């Protein structure tokens, strides 16, 4: 379940990135939809980072140790 939540948020981030690109190409600077889409992407990214850190601290997930000394 926890993996699905993280993947779902990641897909939302990618969706907002795509929406920002679409609005950039379609609106030609006439509206602020591009800025709103990219702002939502940043907020979702920040929220995902906070979620992963909190989940690690609570023991719900654990990091697998890539890059740690043996």
PDB file of N, CA and C in Angstrom:
ATOM      1  N   UNK A   1       0.822  -1.188   0.000  1.00  0.00           N
ATOM      2  CA  UNK A   1       0.000   0.000   0.000  1.00  0.00           C
ATOM      3  C   UNK A   1       0.872   1.261   0.000  1.00  0.00           C
ATOM      4  N   UNK A   2       1.921   1.249   0.825  1.00  0.00           N
ATOM      5  CA  UNK A   2       2.779   2.438   0.915  1.00  0.00           C
ATOM      6  C   UNK A   2       3.497   2.709  -0.401  1.00  0.00           C
ATOM      7  N   UNK A   3       3.856   1.653  -1.111  1.00  0.00           N
ATOM      8  CA  UNK A   3       4.504   1.826  -2.409  1.00  0.00           C
ATOM      9  C   UNK A   3       3.527   2.436  -3.408  1.00  0.00           C
ATOM     10  N   UNK A   4       2.276   2.022  -3.361  1.00  0.00           N
ATOM     11  CA  UNK A   4       1.271   2.575  -4.271  1.00  0.00           C
ATOM     12  C   UNK A   4       1.046   4.060  -4.022  1.00  0.00           C
ATOM     13  N   UNK A   5       1.060   4.469  -2.772  1.00  0.00           N
ATOM     14  CA  UNK A   5       0.880   5.883  -2.450  1.00  0.00           C
ATOM     15  C   UNK A   5       2.040   6.706  -3.004  1.00  0.00           C
ATOM     16  N   UNK A   6       3.251   6.221  -2.804  1.00  0.00           N
ATOM     17  CA  UNK A   6       4.428   6.944  -3.295  1.00  0.00           C
ATOM     18  C   UNK A   6       4.430   7.000  -4.817  1.00  0.00           C
ATOM     19  N   UNK A   7       4.109   5.896  -5.468  1.00  0.00           N
ATOM     20  CA  UNK A   7       4.069   5.862  -6.933  1.00  0.00           C
ATOM     21  C   UNK A   7       2.950   6.768  -7.451  1.00  0.00           C
ATOM     22  N   UNK A   8       1.804   6.778  -6.780  1.00  0.00           N
ATOM     23  CA  UNK A   8       0.693   7.638  -7.206  1.00  0.00           C
ATOM     24  C   UNK A   8       1.077   9.117  -7.117  1.00  0.00           C
ATOM     25  N   UNK A   9       1.742   9.504  -6.051  1.00  0.00           N
ATOM     26  CA  UNK A   9       2.181  10.894  -5.924  1.00  0.00           C
ATOM     27  C   UNK A   9       3.218  11.216  -6.986  1.00  0.00           C
ATOM     28  N   UNK A  10       4.116  10.282  -7.250  1.00  0.00           N
ATOM     29  CA  UNK A  10       5.113  10.489  -8.292  1.00  0.00           C
ATOM     30  C   UNK A  10       4.450  10.658  -9.662  1.00  0.00           C
ATOM     31  N   UNK A  11       3.424   9.870  -9.945  1.00  0.00           N
ATOM     32  CA  UNK A  11       2.704  10.014 -11.207  1.00  0.00           C
ATOM     33  C   UNK A  11       1.981  11.352 -11.293  1.00  0.00           C
ATOM     34  N   UNK A  12       1.445  11.825 -10.166  1.00  0.00           N
ATOM     35  CA  UNK A  12       0.841  13.160 -10.146  1.00  0.00           C
ATOM     36  C   UNK A  12       1.870  14.243 -10.440  1.00  0.00           C
ATOM     37  N   UNK A  13       3.072  14.065  -9.929  1.00  0.00           N
ATOM     38  CA  UNK A  13       4.150  15.020 -10.208  1.00  0.00           C
ATOM     39  C   UNK A  13       4.455  15.038 -11.702  1.00  0.00           C
ATOM     40  N   UNK A  14       4.563  13.863 -12.304  1.00  0.00           N
ATOM     41  CA  UNK A  14       4.820  13.789 -13.742  1.00  0.00           C
ATOM     42  C   UNK A  14       3.663  14.377 -14.550  1.00  0.00           C
ATOM     43  N   UNK A  15       2.432  14.139 -14.090  1.00  0.00           N
ATOM     44  CA  UNK A  15       1.262  14.696 -14.765  1.00  0.00           C
ATOM     45  C   UNK A  15       1.318  16.232 -14.748  1.00  0.00           C
ATOM     46  N   UNK A  16       1.659  16.814 -13.612  1.00  0.00           N
ATOM     47  CA  UNK A  16       1.731  18.272 -13.509  1.00  0.00           C
ATOM     48  C   UNK A  16       2.872  18.828 -14.358  1.00  0.00           C
ATOM     49  N   UNK A  17       3.963  18.095 -14.455  1.00  0.00           N
ATOM     50  CA  UNK A  17       5.059  18.510 -15.318  1.00  0.00           C
ATOM     51  C   UNK A  17       4.607  18.520 -16.776  1.00  0.00           C
ATOM     52  N   UNK A  18       3.899  17.492 -17.179  1.00  0.00           N
ATOM     53  CA  UNK A  18       3.353  17.439 -18.531  1.00  0.00           C
ATOM     54  C   UNK A  18       2.323  18.532 -18.775  1.00  0.00           C
ATOM     55  N   UNK A  19       1.489  18.796 -17.777  1.00  0.00           N
ATOM     56  CA  UNK A  19       0.490  19.861 -17.913  1.00  0.00           C
ATOM     57  C   UNK A  19       1.173  21.215 -18.076  1.00  0.00           C
ATOM     58  N   UNK A  20       2.246  21.429 -17.322  1.00  0.00           N
ATOM     59  CA  UNK A  20       2.987  22.679 -17.449  1.00  0.00           C
ATOM     60  C   UNK A  20       3.565  22.840 -18.845  1.00  0.00           C
ATOM     61  N   UNK A  21       4.104  21.767 -19.401  1.00  0.00           N
ATOM     62  CA  UNK A  21       4.637  21.812 -20.763  1.00  0.00           C
ATOM     63  C   UNK A  21       3.526  22.071 -21.772  1.00  0.00           C
ATOM     64  N   UNK A  22       2.393  21.404 -21.594  1.00  0.00           N
ATOM     65  CA  UNK A  22       1.259  21.596 -22.503  1.00  0.00           C
ATOM     66  C   UNK A  22       0.778  23.046 -22.472  1.00  0.00           C
ATOM     67  N   UNK A  23       0.587  23.578 -21.271  1.00  0.00           N
ATOM     68  CA  UNK A  23       0.119  24.961 -21.159  1.00  0.00           C
ATOM     69  C   UNK A  23       1.144  25.947 -21.710  1.00  0.00           C
ATOM     70  N   UNK A  24       2.417  25.639 -21.558  1.00  0.00           N
ATOM     71  CA  UNK A  24       3.462  26.493 -22.107  1.00  0.00           C
ATOM     72  C   UNK A  24       3.365  26.550 -23.629  1.00  0.00           C
ATOM     73  N   UNK A  25       3.092  25.401 -24.241  1.00  0.00           N
ATOM     74  CA  UNK A  25       3.010  25.346 -25.701  1.00  0.00           C
ATOM     75  C   UNK A  25       1.705  25.933 -26.231  1.00  0.00           C
ATOM     76  N   UNK A  26       0.600  25.742 -25.521  1.00  0.00           N
ATOM     77  CA  UNK A  26      -0.713  26.143 -26.017  1.00  0.00           C
ATOM     78  C   UNK A  26      -1.029  27.607 -25.712  1.00  0.00           C
ATOM     79  N   UNK A  27      -0.747  28.053 -24.509  1.00  0.00           N
ATOM     80  CA  UNK A  27      -1.175  29.391 -24.078  1.00  0.00           C
ATOM     81  C   UNK A  27      -0.311  30.521 -24.629  1.00  0.00           C
ATOM     82  N   UNK A  28       0.921  30.235 -24.959  1.00  0.00           N
ATOM     83  CA  UNK A  28       1.840  31.257 -25.494  1.00  0.00           C
ATOM     84  C   UNK A  28       1.975  32.465 -24.564  1.00  0.00           C
ATOM     85  N   UNK A  29       1.936  32.234 -23.261  1.00  0.00           N
ATOM     86  CA  UNK A  29       2.153  33.308 -22.290  1.00  0.00           C
ATOM     87  C   UNK A  29       0.941  34.167 -22.006  1.00  0.00           C
ATOM     88  N   UNK A  30      -0.228  33.777 -22.483  1.00  0.00           N
ATOM     89  CA  UNK A  30      -1.430  34.582 -22.287  1.00  0.00           C
ATOM     90  C   UNK A  30      -2.075  34.363 -20.925  1.00  0.00           C
ATOM     91  N   UNK A  31      -1.890  33.186 -20.340  1.00  0.00           N
ATOM     92  CA  UNK A  31      -2.473  32.898 -19.016  1.00  0.00           C
ATOM     93  C   UNK A  31      -1.362  32.470 -18.076  1.00  0.00           C
ATOM     94  N   UNK A  32      -1.745  32.261 -16.828  1.00  0.00           N
ATOM     95  CA  UNK A  32      -0.764  31.822 -15.836  1.00  0.00           C
ATOM     96  C   UNK A  32      -0.941  30.340 -15.473  1.00  0.00           C
ATOM     97  N   UNK A  33      -1.564  29.564 -16.369  1.00  0.00           N
ATOM     98  CA  UNK A  33      -1.772  28.140 -16.087  1.00  0.00           C
ATOM     99  C   UNK A  33      -0.458  27.376 -15.999  1.00  0.00           C
ATOM    100  N   UNK A  34       0.550  27.782 -16.755  1.00  0.00           N
ATOM    101  CA  UNK A  34       1.858  27.119 -16.695  1.00  0.00           C
ATOM    102  C   UNK A  34       2.465  27.288 -15.307  1.00  0.00           C
ATOM    103  N   UNK A  35       2.432  28.495 -14.807  1.00  0.00           N
ATOM    104  CA  UNK A  35       3.002  28.761 -13.478  1.00  0.00           C
ATOM    105  C   UNK A  35       2.250  27.999 -12.400  1.00  0.00           C
ATOM    106  N   UNK A  36       0.936  27.925 -12.520  1.00  0.00           N
ATOM    107  CA  UNK A  36       0.144  27.186 -11.524  1.00  0.00           C
ATOM    108  C   UNK A  36       0.452  25.694 -11.561  1.00  0.00           C
ATOM    109  N   UNK A  37       0.588  25.126 -12.759  1.00  0.00           N
ATOM    110  CA  UNK A  37       0.892  23.696 -12.882  1.00  0.00           C
ATOM    111  C   UNK A  37       2.276  23.385 -12.308  1.00  0.00           C
ATOM    112  N   UNK A  38       3.245  24.244 -12.594  1.00  0.00           N
ATOM    113  CA  UNK A  38       4.594  23.993 -12.079  1.00  0.00           C
ATOM    114  C   UNK A  38       4.679  24.246 -10.580  1.00  0.00           C
ATOM    115  N   UNK A  39       3.863  25.171 -10.070  1.00  0.00           N
ATOM    116  CA  UNK A  39       3.803  25.388  -8.621  1.00  0.00           C
ATOM    117  C   UNK A  39       3.222  24.166  -7.926  1.00  0.00           C
ATOM    118  N   UNK A  40       2.175  23.577  -8.505  1.00  0.00           N
ATOM    119  CA  UNK A  40       1.612  22.343  -7.932  1.00  0.00           C
ATOM    120  C   UNK A  40       2.629  21.213  -7.980  1.00  0.00           C
ATOM    121  N   UNK A  41       3.425  21.141  -9.052  1.00  0.00           N
ATOM    122  CA  UNK A  41       4.463  20.109  -9.157  1.00  0.00           C
ATOM    123  C   UNK A  41       5.498  20.257  -8.056  1.00  0.00           C
ATOM    124  N   UNK A  42       5.913  21.490  -7.797  1.00  0.00           N
ATOM    125  CA  UNK A  42       6.884  21.737  -6.731  1.00  0.00           C
ATOM    126  C   UNK A  42       6.294  21.374  -5.378  1.00  0.00           C
ATOM    127  N   UNK A  43       5.039  21.737  -5.150  1.00  0.00           N
ATOM    128  CA  UNK A  43       4.385  21.417  -3.876  1.00  0.00           C
ATOM    129  C   UNK A  43       4.263  19.904  -3.697  1.00  0.00           C
ATOM    130  N   UNK A  44       3.883  19.196  -4.757  1.00  0.00           N
ATOM    131  CA  UNK A  44       3.790  17.739  -4.666  1.00  0.00           C
ATOM    132  C   UNK A  44       5.154  17.107  -4.422  1.00  0.00           C
ATOM    133  N   UNK A  45       6.189  17.612  -5.074  1.00  0.00           N
ATOM    134  CA  UNK A  45       7.542  17.081  -4.873  1.00  0.00           C
ATOM    135  C   UNK A  45       7.994  17.292  -3.440  1.00  0.00           C
ATOM    136  N   UNK A  46       7.762  18.486  -2.923  1.00  0.00           N
ATOM    137  CA  UNK A  46       8.130  18.778  -1.543  1.00  0.00           C
ATOM    138  C   UNK A  46       7.345  17.894  -0.581  1.00  0.00           C
ATOM    139  N   UNK A  47       6.054  17.728  -0.847  1.00  0.00           N
ATOM    140  CA  UNK A  47       5.227  16.864   0.001  1.00  0.00           C
ATOM    141  C   UNK A  47       5.681  15.419  -0.035  1.00  0.00           C
ATOM    142  N   UNK A  48       6.098  14.938  -1.209  1.00  0.00           N
ATOM    143  CA  UNK A  48       6.582  13.561  -1.315  1.00  0.00           C
ATOM    144  C   UNK A  48       7.870  13.369  -0.527  1.00  0.00           C
ATOM    145  N   UNK A  49       8.765  14.326  -0.604  1.00  0.00           N
ATOM    146  CA  UNK A  49      10.008  14.239   0.169  1.00  0.00           C
ATOM    147  C   UNK A  49       9.711  14.202   1.660  1.00  0.00           C
ATOM    148  N   UNK A  50       8.829  15.087   2.109  1.00  0.00           N
ATOM    149  CA  UNK A  50       8.459  15.114   3.531  1.00  0.00           C
ATOM    150  C   UNK A  50       7.798  13.798   3.931  1.00  0.00           C
ATOM    151  N   UNK A  51       6.912  13.268   3.089  1.00  0.00           N
ATOM    152  CA  UNK A  51       6.249  11.996   3.374  1.00  0.00           C
ATOM    153  C   UNK A  51       7.252  10.867   3.527  1.00  0.00           C
ATOM    154  N   UNK A  52       8.233  10.790   2.637  1.00  0.00           N
ATOM    155  CA  UNK A  52       9.227   9.717   2.705  1.00  0.00           C
ATOM    156  C   UNK A  52      10.084   9.856   3.962  1.00  0.00           C
ATOM    157  N   UNK A  53      10.484  11.075   4.300  1.00  0.00           N
ATOM    158  CA  UNK A  53      11.306  11.279   5.494  1.00  0.00           C
ATOM    159  C   UNK A  53      10.519  10.924   6.756  1.00  0.00           C
ATOM    160  N   UNK A  54       9.273  11.359   6.830  1.00  0.00           N
ATOM    161  CA  UNK A  54       8.443  11.055   8.003  1.00  0.00           C
ATOM    162  C   UNK A  54       8.181   9.553   8.089  1.00  0.00           C
ATOM    163  N   UNK A  55       7.890   8.914   6.954  1.00  0.00           N
ATOM    164  CA  UNK A  55       7.644   7.475   6.959  1.00  0.00           C
ATOM    165  C   UNK A  55       8.883   6.704   7.416  1.00  0.00           C
ATOM    166  N   UNK A  56      10.054   7.170   7.040  1.00  0.00           N
ATOM    167  CA  UNK A  56      11.287   6.531   7.491  1.00  0.00           C
ATOM    168  C   UNK A  56      11.470   6.717   8.997  1.00  0.00           C
ATOM    169  N   UNK A  57      11.214   7.903   9.477  1.00  0.00           N
ATOM    170  CA  UNK A  57      11.381   8.168  10.909  1.00  0.00           C
ATOM    171  C   UNK A  57      10.373   7.377  11.743  1.00  0.00           C
ATOM    172  N   UNK A  58       9.158   7.179  11.212  1.00  0.00           N
ATOM    173  CA  UNK A  58       8.131   6.439  11.943  1.00  0.00           C
ATOM    174  C   UNK A  58       8.324   4.925  11.838  1.00  0.00           C
ATOM    175  N   UNK A  59       9.219   4.492  10.942  1.00  0.00           N
ATOM    176  CA  UNK A  59       9.475   3.066  10.791  1.00  0.00           C
ATOM    177  C   UNK A  59       8.556   2.378   9.802  1.00  0.00           C
ATOM    178  N   UNK A  60       7.749   3.133   9.077  1.00  0.00           N
ATOM    179  CA  UNK A  60       6.845   2.545   8.095  1.00  0.00           C
ATOM    180  C   UNK A  60       7.605   2.028   6.888  1.00  0.00           C
ATOM    181  N   UNK A  61       8.700   2.706   6.531  1.00  0.00           N
ATOM    182  CA  UNK A  61       9.568   2.263   5.455  1.00  0.00           C
ATOM    183  C   UNK A  61      10.999   2.331   5.961  1.00  0.00           C
ATOM    184  N   UNK A  62      11.896   1.664   5.263  1.00  0.00           N
ATOM    185  CA  UNK A  62      13.302   1.758   5.633  1.00  0.00           C
ATOM    186  C   UNK A  62      14.129   1.897   4.360  1.00  0.00           C
ATOM    187  N   UNK A  63      15.153   2.700   4.434  1.00  0.00           N
ATOM    188  CA  UNK A  63      16.045   2.878   3.299  1.00  0.00           C
ATOM    189  C   UNK A  63      16.887   1.627   3.152  1.00  0.00           C
ATOM    190  N   UNK A  64      17.229   1.272   1.930  1.00  0.00           N
ATOM    191  CA  UNK A  64      17.918   0.007   1.693  1.00  0.00           C
ATOM    192  C   UNK A  64      19.433   0.119   1.776  1.00  0.00           C
ATOM    193  N   UNK A  65      20.004   1.297   1.881  1.00  0.00           N
ATOM    194  CA  UNK A  65      21.407   1.427   2.170  1.00  0.00           C
ATOM    195  C   UNK A  65      22.331   1.547   1.000  1.00  0.00           C
ATOM    196  N   UNK A  66      21.873   1.942  -0.161  1.00  0.00           N
ATOM    197  CA  UNK A  66      22.770   2.142  -1.299  1.00  0.00           C
ATOM    198  C   UNK A  66      23.689   3.305  -0.990  1.00  0.00           C
ATOM    199  N   UNK A  67      24.970   3.104  -1.171  1.00  0.00           N
ATOM    200  CA  UNK A  67      25.943   4.150  -0.920  1.00  0.00           C
ATOM    201  C   UNK A  67      26.539   4.124   0.483  1.00  0.00           C
ATOM    202  N   UNK A  68      26.054   3.275   1.324  1.00  0.00           N
ATOM    203  CA  UNK A  68      26.609   3.162   2.681  1.00  0.00           C
ATOM    204  C   UNK A  68      27.845   2.277   2.659  1.00  0.00           C
ATOM    205  N   UNK A  69      28.762   2.564   3.558  1.00  0.00           N
ATOM    206  CA  UNK A  69      29.962   1.734   3.683  1.00  0.00           C
ATOM    207  C   UNK A  69      29.566   0.376   4.279  1.00  0.00           C
ATOM    208  N   UNK A  70      30.165  -0.710   3.813  1.00  0.00           N
ATOM    209  CA  UNK A  70      29.804  -2.054   4.326  1.00  0.00           C
ATOM    210  C   UNK A  70      30.229  -2.290   5.757  1.00  0.00           C
TER     211      UNK A  70
END
